[in-house]
Each structure stands twice: as C-alpha cells, then as structure tokens.
C-alpha cells in the first residue's frame, strides 16, 4: 500500500510540474511585451521573473518538506523540464510556442535551474540503521 501511494504521489507531482510548466510559461509571455516597452518595463520584467523563480524554488522546497524526500521535488522537476522541452519545440505551423526573447529564456532556463536546485538542496529521507541484526530509527 505504501509503495503504491508513493508511486501515485510521484505521478501526480510529475503531472503537476508539467501542467504548471505549460500554463505558467505560456501565461508569462506578456513579459516579452513588457520587455519591449523600455527601461521601466525591463526592470519590472526582471523583478517579476526573479520573484517568480523564488516562488518556484520555495514551492519545490515545500514539496520536498511535504514528501520528506528528494523524490518529491525531483518528480515535479521532471514534469517542469518536460513541459519546457515541449514549449521550445515547433508546432505544426512552424511557429515556436515560446519566442526567443530574453525574458522567456530567463524564465525557461531559470525555472529549470530553480526546480533542480530545490531538488538538490532537499535532504533525502533518513534510512533505518542496522546494527547487530537489529534495525533502529536514526532519529
């Protein structure tokens, strides 16, 4: 039962990462327009991207805290990376989903960096310690 629940949780977090990656990356396309409005728009766009990346990193850490293991934010990161890989490809008409503007690159690659960093910085679940044929909890 515990293993099946962990697998379902991993699948859910991967799908959640994929959906979040698609929706947030497409919705953040307005940053490309904001970037073209001048210096004030570029500053606002950069602040927005940095805030977004901080929230994404903290969300990954919260997933790690909630699952108590590194596989939680890792599953979310897999979904996020798959979504961003899908968005950088071409659609049937030959257009790209995400344009090659600076804010979009910062969002795509910064988001990948944020979820990977959240995964790496999450401590792994403690394992039972075996001594003399007996298993004890390390805590």
C-alpha atoms as a PDB file:
ATOM      1  CA  UNK A   1       0.000   0.000   0.000  1.00  0.00           C
ATOM      2  CA  UNK A   2       2.789   2.430   0.900  1.00  0.00           C
ATOM      3  CA  UNK A   3       4.687   1.847  -2.340  1.00  0.00           C
ATOM      4  CA  UNK A   4       1.570   2.264  -4.479  1.00  0.00           C
ATOM      5  CA  UNK A   5       0.749   5.514  -2.712  1.00  0.00           C
ATOM      6  CA  UNK A   6       4.295   6.786  -3.253  1.00  0.00           C
ATOM      7  CA  UNK A   7       4.093   5.920  -6.968  1.00  0.00           C
ATOM      8  CA  UNK A   8       0.744   7.710  -7.306  1.00  0.00           C
ATOM      9  CA  UNK A   9       2.184  10.707  -5.468  1.00  0.00           C
ATOM     10  CA  UNK A  10       5.177  10.750  -7.834  1.00  0.00           C
ATOM     11  CA  UNK A  11       2.916  10.573 -10.893  1.00  0.00           C
ATOM     12  CA  UNK A  12       0.727  13.360  -9.505  1.00  0.00           C
ATOM     13  CA  UNK A  13       3.750  15.599  -8.826  1.00  0.00           C
ATOM     14  CA  UNK A  14       5.148  14.940 -12.316  1.00  0.00           C
ATOM     15  CA  UNK A  15       1.819  15.844 -13.943  1.00  0.00           C
ATOM     16  CA  UNK A  16       1.551  18.896 -11.664  1.00  0.00           C
ATOM     17  CA  UNK A  17       5.036  20.018 -12.739  1.00  0.00           C
ATOM     18  CA  UNK A  18       4.145  19.528 -16.399  1.00  0.00           C
ATOM     19  CA  UNK A  19       0.867  21.460 -16.167  1.00  0.00           C
ATOM     20  CA  UNK A  20       2.487  24.233 -14.121  1.00  0.00           C
ATOM     21  CA  UNK A  21       5.331  24.492 -16.644  1.00  0.00           C
ATOM     22  CA  UNK A  22       2.984  24.781 -19.615  1.00  0.00           C
ATOM     23  CA  UNK A  23       0.483  27.174 -18.050  1.00  0.00           C
ATOM     24  CA  UNK A  24       2.951  29.481 -16.334  1.00  0.00           C
ATOM     25  CA  UNK A  25       5.348  29.667 -19.270  1.00  0.00           C
ATOM     26  CA  UNK A  26       2.612  30.493 -21.759  1.00  0.00           C
ATOM     27  CA  UNK A  27       0.935  32.984 -19.396  1.00  0.00           C
ATOM     28  CA  UNK A  28       4.252  34.698 -18.765  1.00  0.00           C
ATOM     29  CA  UNK A  29       4.527  35.545 -22.456  1.00  0.00           C
ATOM     30  CA  UNK A  30       3.375  39.058 -21.569  1.00  0.00           C
ATOM     31  CA  UNK A  31       6.871  39.614 -20.164  1.00  0.00           C
ATOM     32  CA  UNK A  32       8.168  39.726 -23.753  1.00  0.00           C
ATOM     33  CA  UNK A  33       5.857  42.609 -24.487  1.00  0.00           C
ATOM     34  CA  UNK A  34       6.790  44.324 -21.222  1.00  0.00           C
ATOM     35  CA  UNK A  35      10.482  43.931 -22.089  1.00  0.00           C
ATOM     36  CA  UNK A  36       9.998  45.955 -25.283  1.00  0.00           C
ATOM     37  CA  UNK A  37       8.399  48.935 -23.523  1.00  0.00           C
ATOM     38  CA  UNK A  38      11.683  50.413 -22.343  1.00  0.00           C
ATOM     39  CA  UNK A  39      13.843  50.578 -19.247  1.00  0.00           C
ATOM     40  CA  UNK A  40      10.974  50.683 -16.764  1.00  0.00           C
ATOM     41  CA  UNK A  41       9.389  47.641 -18.428  1.00  0.00           C
ATOM     42  CA  UNK A  42      12.672  45.769 -18.371  1.00  0.00           C
ATOM     43  CA  UNK A  43      13.168  46.472 -14.668  1.00  0.00           C
ATOM     44  CA  UNK A  44       9.592  45.401 -13.890  1.00  0.00           C
ATOM     45  CA  UNK A  45      10.031  42.301 -16.041  1.00  0.00           C
ATOM     46  CA  UNK A  46      13.272  41.353 -14.317  1.00  0.00           C
ATOM     47  CA  UNK A  47      11.768  41.832 -10.847  1.00  0.00           C
ATOM     48  CA  UNK A  48       8.766  39.718 -11.878  1.00  0.00           C
ATOM     49  CA  UNK A  49      10.992  36.943 -13.196  1.00  0.00           C
ATOM     50  CA  UNK A  50      13.144  36.929 -10.054  1.00  0.00           C
ATOM     51  CA  UNK A  51      10.052  36.797  -7.825  1.00  0.00           C
ATOM     52  CA  UNK A  52       8.602  34.003  -9.941  1.00  0.00           C
ATOM     53  CA  UNK A  53      11.829  31.984  -9.719  1.00  0.00           C
ATOM     54  CA  UNK A  54      11.984  32.497  -5.948  1.00  0.00           C
ATOM     55  CA  UNK A  55       8.392  31.250  -5.561  1.00  0.00           C
ATOM     56  CA  UNK A  56       9.152  28.278  -7.825  1.00  0.00           C
ATOM     57  CA  UNK A  57      12.225  27.389  -5.759  1.00  0.00           C
ATOM     58  CA  UNK A  58      10.318  27.726  -2.477  1.00  0.00           C
ATOM     59  CA  UNK A  59       7.489  25.630  -3.900  1.00  0.00           C
ATOM     60  CA  UNK A  60       9.958  22.882  -4.763  1.00  0.00           C
ATOM     61  CA  UNK A  61      11.381  23.036  -1.251  1.00  0.00           C
ATOM     62  CA  UNK A  62       7.843  22.848   0.178  1.00  0.00           C
ATOM     63  CA  UNK A  63       7.178  19.739  -1.906  1.00  0.00           C
ATOM     64  CA  UNK A  64      10.390  18.251  -0.522  1.00  0.00           C
ATOM     65  CA  UNK A  65       9.311  19.094   3.004  1.00  0.00           C
ATOM     66  CA  UNK A  66       5.854  17.622   2.384  1.00  0.00           C
ATOM     67  CA  UNK A  67       7.116  14.350   0.948  1.00  0.00           C
ATOM     68  CA  UNK A  68      10.065  14.127   3.309  1.00  0.00           C
ATOM     69  CA  UNK A  69      12.345  13.011   0.498  1.00  0.00           C
ATOM     70  CA  UNK A  70      14.187  14.231  -2.560  1.00  0.00           C
ATOM     71  CA  UNK A  71      11.979  12.310  -4.984  1.00  0.00           C
ATOM     72  CA  UNK A  72       9.083  14.754  -4.422  1.00  0.00           C
ATOM     73  CA  UNK A  73      10.665  17.871  -5.876  1.00  0.00           C
ATOM     74  CA  UNK A  74      12.506  15.598  -8.317  1.00  0.00           C
ATOM     75  CA  UNK A  75       9.208  14.368  -9.758  1.00  0.00           C
ATOM     76  CA  UNK A  76       7.952  17.953 -10.026  1.00  0.00           C
ATOM     77  CA  UNK A  77      11.239  18.940 -11.722  1.00  0.00           C
ATOM     78  CA  UNK A  78      10.849  16.139 -14.288  1.00  0.00           C
ATOM     79  CA  UNK A  79       7.408  17.452 -15.226  1.00  0.00           C
ATOM     80  CA  UNK A  80       8.679  21.036 -15.375  1.00  0.00           C
ATOM     81  CA  UNK A  81      11.609  20.111 -17.636  1.00  0.00           C
ATOM     82  CA  UNK A  82       9.356  18.053 -19.935  1.00  0.00           C
ATOM     83  CA  UNK A  83       6.948  20.995 -20.243  1.00  0.00           C
ATOM     84  CA  UNK A  84       9.743  23.414 -21.068  1.00  0.00           C
ATOM     85  CA  UNK A  85      11.173  20.969 -23.600  1.00  0.00           C
ATOM     86  CA  UNK A  86       7.767  20.766 -25.256  1.00  0.00           C
ATOM     87  CA  UNK A  87       7.457  24.557 -25.343  1.00  0.00           C
ATOM     88  CA  UNK A  88      10.786  25.099 -27.049  1.00  0.00           C
ATOM     89  CA  UNK A  89       9.830  22.851 -29.976  1.00  0.00           C
ATOM     90  CA  UNK A  90       7.940  23.732 -33.117  1.00  0.00           C
ATOM     91  CA  UNK A  91       4.199  23.374 -33.651  1.00  0.00           C
ATOM     92  CA  UNK A  92       2.570  22.137 -36.866  1.00  0.00           C
ATOM     93  CA  UNK A  93       2.523  25.606 -38.472  1.00  0.00           C
ATOM     94  CA  UNK A  94       6.245  26.062 -37.948  1.00  0.00           C
ATOM     95  CA  UNK A  95       5.889  28.592 -35.147  1.00  0.00           C
ATOM     96  CA  UNK A  96       7.588  28.275 -31.796  1.00  0.00           C
ATOM     97  CA  UNK A  97       5.434  28.237 -28.672  1.00  0.00           C
ATOM     98  CA  UNK A  98       7.770  30.476 -26.667  1.00  0.00           C
ATOM     99  CA  UNK A  99       9.536  33.272 -28.515  1.00  0.00           C
ATOM    100  CA  UNK A 100      13.265  33.871 -28.329  1.00  0.00           C
ATOM    101  CA  UNK A 101      13.025  36.961 -26.144  1.00  0.00           C
ATOM    102  CA  UNK A 102      15.325  37.467 -23.161  1.00  0.00           C
ATOM    103  CA  UNK A 103      12.570  37.191 -20.507  1.00  0.00           C
ATOM    104  CA  UNK A 104      11.377  33.892 -21.945  1.00  0.00           C
ATOM    105  CA  UNK A 105      14.889  32.428 -21.863  1.00  0.00           C
ATOM    106  CA  UNK A 106      15.323  33.637 -18.282  1.00  0.00           C
ATOM    107  CA  UNK A 107      12.010  32.088 -17.335  1.00  0.00           C
ATOM    108  CA  UNK A 108      12.606  28.766 -19.116  1.00  0.00           C
ATOM    109  CA  UNK A 109      16.183  28.129 -18.052  1.00  0.00           C
ATOM    110  CA  UNK A 110      15.874  29.895 -14.703  1.00  0.00           C
ATOM    111  CA  UNK A 111      12.825  27.765 -13.908  1.00  0.00           C
ATOM    112  CA  UNK A 112      14.725  24.596 -14.752  1.00  0.00           C
ATOM    113  CA  UNK A 113      17.574  25.780 -12.529  1.00  0.00           C
ATOM    114  CA  UNK A 114      15.176  26.627  -9.685  1.00  0.00           C
ATOM    115  CA  UNK A 115      13.457  23.230  -9.624  1.00  0.00           C
ATOM    116  CA  UNK A 116      16.755  21.364  -9.942  1.00  0.00           C
ATOM    117  CA  UNK A 117      18.300  23.443  -7.158  1.00  0.00           C
ATOM    118  CA  UNK A 118      15.253  22.804  -4.965  1.00  0.00           C
ATOM    119  CA  UNK A 119      15.653  19.074  -5.624  1.00  0.00           C
ATOM    120  CA  UNK A 120      19.370  19.016  -4.870  1.00  0.00           C
ATOM    121  CA  UNK A 121      19.022  21.044  -1.659  1.00  0.00           C
ATOM    122  CA  UNK A 122      16.238  18.839  -0.269  1.00  0.00           C
ATOM    123  CA  UNK A 123      17.634  16.354   2.249  1.00  0.00           C
ATOM    124  CA  UNK A 124      16.937  12.743   1.414  1.00  0.00           C
ATOM    125  CA  UNK A 125      14.768  10.632   3.696  1.00  0.00           C
ATOM    126  CA  UNK A 126      16.678   9.039   6.585  1.00  0.00           C
ATOM    127  CA  UNK A 127      17.249   5.328   6.249  1.00  0.00           C
ATOM    128  CA  UNK A 128      16.948   2.829   9.100  1.00  0.00           C
ATOM    129  CA  UNK A 129      20.276   1.895  10.664  1.00  0.00           C
ATOM    130  CA  UNK A 130      21.074  -1.797  11.075  1.00  0.00           C
ATOM    131  CA  UNK A 131      23.435  -2.827  13.876  1.00  0.00           C
ATOM    132  CA  UNK A 132      23.903  -6.339  15.148  1.00  0.00           C
ATOM    133  CA  UNK A 133      20.904  -7.671  13.271  1.00  0.00           C
ATOM    134  CA  UNK A 134      18.533  -5.064  14.752  1.00  0.00           C
ATOM    135  CA  UNK A 135      17.042  -2.143  12.869  1.00  0.00           C
ATOM    136  CA  UNK A 136      16.680   1.175  14.637  1.00  0.00           C
ATOM    137  CA  UNK A 137      15.357   4.556  13.662  1.00  0.00           C
ATOM    138  CA  UNK A 138      18.248   7.084  13.205  1.00  0.00           C
ATOM    139  CA  UNK A 139      16.306   9.939  14.811  1.00  0.00           C
END
